[in-house]
């Protein structure tokens, strides 16, 4: 399950919810590990367990020991790599344009514009 909300994406892994933040630190961490945003997307689209863990670690700004990374990967596997990967792809794509409006914001703006046009 995931939820995107003004600069964050919440990703549920097991009993924990990781809040991924849209910031330059996350972008740099992902670029450093994968060699860029596009390679990160390619790995996520392959449903790579390691890629999913690395994106969560970068987005949530986690500092984990190797055993903790292994535990995160185990939790992702148990949750379902496919289920966890979908919001991670959304997160990585959104890193390319973090100031973009969500669908809700666009709909609200359209409704406000339509209401102003009726006056």
C-alpha atoms as a PDB file:
ATOM      1  CA  UNK A   1       0.000   0.000   0.000  1.00  0.00           C
ATOM      2  CA  UNK A   2       1.286   3.522  -0.699  1.00  0.00           C
ATOM      3  CA  UNK A   3       0.188   7.087  -0.351  1.00  0.00           C
ATOM      4  CA  UNK A   4       1.646  10.113  -2.128  1.00  0.00           C
ATOM      5  CA  UNK A   5       1.225  13.404  -0.307  1.00  0.00           C
ATOM      6  CA  UNK A   6       2.954  16.734  -0.971  1.00  0.00           C
ATOM      7  CA  UNK A   7       6.529  15.611  -1.232  1.00  0.00           C
ATOM      8  CA  UNK A   8       6.339  12.206   0.413  1.00  0.00           C
ATOM      9  CA  UNK A   9       5.404   8.655  -0.463  1.00  0.00           C
ATOM     10  CA  UNK A  10       4.527   6.222   2.317  1.00  0.00           C
ATOM     11  CA  UNK A  11       5.511   2.634   1.581  1.00  0.00           C
ATOM     12  CA  UNK A  12       4.271  -0.167   3.801  1.00  0.00           C
ATOM     13  CA  UNK A  13       6.743  -2.994   4.313  1.00  0.00           C
ATOM     14  CA  UNK A  14       5.541  -5.568   6.794  1.00  0.00           C
ATOM     15  CA  UNK A  15       4.453  -3.778   9.940  1.00  0.00           C
ATOM     16  CA  UNK A  16       6.490  -0.642   9.180  1.00  0.00           C
ATOM     17  CA  UNK A  17       5.617   2.371   7.082  1.00  0.00           C
ATOM     18  CA  UNK A  18       8.581   4.103   5.470  1.00  0.00           C
ATOM     19  CA  UNK A  19       8.064   7.728   4.476  1.00  0.00           C
ATOM     20  CA  UNK A  20      10.109   8.545   1.387  1.00  0.00           C
ATOM     21  CA  UNK A  21      10.946  12.224   0.946  1.00  0.00           C
ATOM     22  CA  UNK A  22      11.423  14.085  -2.307  1.00  0.00           C
ATOM     23  CA  UNK A  23      14.736  15.823  -1.738  1.00  0.00           C
ATOM     24  CA  UNK A  24      18.131  16.280  -3.306  1.00  0.00           C
ATOM     25  CA  UNK A  25      19.772  13.937  -0.801  1.00  0.00           C
ATOM     26  CA  UNK A  26      17.532  11.070  -1.959  1.00  0.00           C
ATOM     27  CA  UNK A  27      18.241  11.858  -5.620  1.00  0.00           C
ATOM     28  CA  UNK A  28      21.996  11.903  -5.046  1.00  0.00           C
ATOM     29  CA  UNK A  29      21.922   8.677  -3.054  1.00  0.00           C
ATOM     30  CA  UNK A  30      19.914   6.890  -5.755  1.00  0.00           C
ATOM     31  CA  UNK A  31      22.134   8.291  -8.522  1.00  0.00           C
ATOM     32  CA  UNK A  32      25.274   7.248  -6.638  1.00  0.00           C
ATOM     33  CA  UNK A  33      24.078   3.665  -6.129  1.00  0.00           C
ATOM     34  CA  UNK A  34      22.437   3.039  -9.507  1.00  0.00           C
ATOM     35  CA  UNK A  35      24.411   5.430 -11.713  1.00  0.00           C
ATOM     36  CA  UNK A  36      21.367   7.608 -12.407  1.00  0.00           C
ATOM     37  CA  UNK A  37      17.604   7.796 -12.134  1.00  0.00           C
ATOM     38  CA  UNK A  38      16.994   5.868 -15.362  1.00  0.00           C
ATOM     39  CA  UNK A  39      19.080   2.847 -14.254  1.00  0.00           C
ATOM     40  CA  UNK A  40      17.204   2.925 -10.920  1.00  0.00           C
ATOM     41  CA  UNK A  41      13.889   2.776 -12.789  1.00  0.00           C
ATOM     42  CA  UNK A  42      15.177  -0.060 -14.958  1.00  0.00           C
ATOM     43  CA  UNK A  43      16.149  -2.101 -11.891  1.00  0.00           C
ATOM     44  CA  UNK A  44      12.827  -1.406 -10.175  1.00  0.00           C
ATOM     45  CA  UNK A  45      10.968  -2.470 -13.317  1.00  0.00           C
ATOM     46  CA  UNK A  46      12.814  -5.799 -13.090  1.00  0.00           C
ATOM     47  CA  UNK A  47      11.341  -6.124  -9.579  1.00  0.00           C
ATOM     48  CA  UNK A  48      14.811  -6.268  -8.051  1.00  0.00           C
ATOM     49  CA  UNK A  49      14.713  -6.872  -4.314  1.00  0.00           C
ATOM     50  CA  UNK A  50      18.015  -5.037  -3.802  1.00  0.00           C
ATOM     51  CA  UNK A  51      16.811  -2.069  -5.860  1.00  0.00           C
ATOM     52  CA  UNK A  52      13.625  -1.815  -3.802  1.00  0.00           C
ATOM     53  CA  UNK A  53      15.606  -1.849  -0.561  1.00  0.00           C
ATOM     54  CA  UNK A  54      18.114   0.748  -1.807  1.00  0.00           C
ATOM     55  CA  UNK A  55      15.348   3.140  -2.913  1.00  0.00           C
ATOM     56  CA  UNK A  56      13.611   2.823   0.459  1.00  0.00           C
ATOM     57  CA  UNK A  57      16.906   3.404   2.269  1.00  0.00           C
ATOM     58  CA  UNK A  58      17.659   6.483   0.144  1.00  0.00           C
ATOM     59  CA  UNK A  59      14.145   7.931   0.215  1.00  0.00           C
ATOM     60  CA  UNK A  60      13.638   7.424   3.944  1.00  0.00           C
ATOM     61  CA  UNK A  61      17.219   8.553   4.668  1.00  0.00           C
ATOM     62  CA  UNK A  62      17.922   5.383   6.644  1.00  0.00           C
ATOM     63  CA  UNK A  63      21.333   4.397   7.962  1.00  0.00           C
ATOM     64  CA  UNK A  64      21.276   0.627   8.224  1.00  0.00           C
ATOM     65  CA  UNK A  65      23.858  -1.979   9.139  1.00  0.00           C
ATOM     66  CA  UNK A  66      24.230  -4.934   6.737  1.00  0.00           C
ATOM     67  CA  UNK A  67      22.046  -7.182   8.934  1.00  0.00           C
ATOM     68  CA  UNK A  68      19.349  -4.466   8.993  1.00  0.00           C
ATOM     69  CA  UNK A  69      19.479  -4.183   5.190  1.00  0.00           C
ATOM     70  CA  UNK A  70      19.055  -7.949   5.027  1.00  0.00           C
ATOM     71  CA  UNK A  71      16.057  -7.717   7.384  1.00  0.00           C
ATOM     72  CA  UNK A  72      14.519  -4.978   5.191  1.00  0.00           C
ATOM     73  CA  UNK A  73      14.999  -7.141   2.098  1.00  0.00           C
ATOM     74  CA  UNK A  74      13.370 -10.071   3.914  1.00  0.00           C
ATOM     75  CA  UNK A  75      10.407  -7.860   4.872  1.00  0.00           C
ATOM     76  CA  UNK A  76      10.072  -6.644   1.264  1.00  0.00           C
ATOM     77  CA  UNK A  77      10.142 -10.244   0.040  1.00  0.00           C
ATOM     78  CA  UNK A  78       7.487 -11.281   2.556  1.00  0.00           C
ATOM     79  CA  UNK A  79       5.286  -8.260   1.683  1.00  0.00           C
ATOM     80  CA  UNK A  80       5.685  -9.012  -2.004  1.00  0.00           C
ATOM     81  CA  UNK A  81       8.309  -7.393  -4.207  1.00  0.00           C
ATOM     82  CA  UNK A  82       5.667  -6.458  -6.780  1.00  0.00           C
ATOM     83  CA  UNK A  83       3.457  -4.766  -4.209  1.00  0.00           C
ATOM     84  CA  UNK A  84       6.333  -2.752  -2.738  1.00  0.00           C
ATOM     85  CA  UNK A  85       7.893  -1.856  -6.099  1.00  0.00           C
ATOM     86  CA  UNK A  86       4.896  -0.011  -7.593  1.00  0.00           C
ATOM     87  CA  UNK A  87       4.999   2.955  -5.167  1.00  0.00           C
ATOM     88  CA  UNK A  88       8.796   3.008  -5.431  1.00  0.00           C
ATOM     89  CA  UNK A  89       8.551   3.510  -9.193  1.00  0.00           C
ATOM     90  CA  UNK A  90       6.082   6.346  -8.563  1.00  0.00           C
ATOM     91  CA  UNK A  91       8.542   7.856  -6.077  1.00  0.00           C
ATOM     92  CA  UNK A  92      11.560   7.639  -8.389  1.00  0.00           C
ATOM     93  CA  UNK A  93       9.638   9.121 -11.334  1.00  0.00           C
ATOM     94  CA  UNK A  94       8.375  11.937  -9.092  1.00  0.00           C
ATOM     95  CA  UNK A  95      11.966  12.715  -8.064  1.00  0.00           C
ATOM     96  CA  UNK A  96      12.412  14.048 -11.580  1.00  0.00           C
ATOM     97  CA  UNK A  97       9.779  16.737 -10.917  1.00  0.00           C
ATOM     98  CA  UNK A  98       9.068  16.973  -7.165  1.00  0.00           C
ATOM     99  CA  UNK A  99       7.159  20.255  -7.470  1.00  0.00           C
ATOM    100  CA  UNK A 100       4.538  18.784  -9.791  1.00  0.00           C
ATOM    101  CA  UNK A 101       0.952  18.752  -8.607  1.00  0.00           C
ATOM    102  CA  UNK A 102      -0.819  15.558  -7.617  1.00  0.00           C
ATOM    103  CA  UNK A 103      -3.975  14.416  -9.429  1.00  0.00           C
ATOM    104  CA  UNK A 104      -6.062  15.689  -6.492  1.00  0.00           C
ATOM    105  CA  UNK A 105      -4.445  19.128  -6.712  1.00  0.00           C
ATOM    106  CA  UNK A 106      -4.991  19.276 -10.472  1.00  0.00           C
ATOM    107  CA  UNK A 107      -8.675  18.294 -10.081  1.00  0.00           C
ATOM    108  CA  UNK A 108      -9.183  20.877  -7.345  1.00  0.00           C
ATOM    109  CA  UNK A 109      -7.570  23.562  -9.505  1.00  0.00           C
ATOM    110  CA  UNK A 110      -9.814  22.572 -12.436  1.00  0.00           C
ATOM    111  CA  UNK A 111     -12.920  22.746 -10.220  1.00  0.00           C
ATOM    112  CA  UNK A 112     -11.887  26.145  -8.871  1.00  0.00           C
ATOM    113  CA  UNK A 113     -11.291  27.385 -12.410  1.00  0.00           C
ATOM    114  CA  UNK A 114     -14.687  26.076 -13.555  1.00  0.00           C
ATOM    115  CA  UNK A 115     -16.411  27.731 -10.586  1.00  0.00           C
ATOM    116  CA  UNK A 116     -14.763  31.063 -11.385  1.00  0.00           C
ATOM    117  CA  UNK A 117     -15.853  30.756 -15.023  1.00  0.00           C
ATOM    118  CA  UNK A 118     -19.544  30.386 -14.015  1.00  0.00           C
ATOM    119  CA  UNK A 119     -19.689  33.706 -12.150  1.00  0.00           C
END
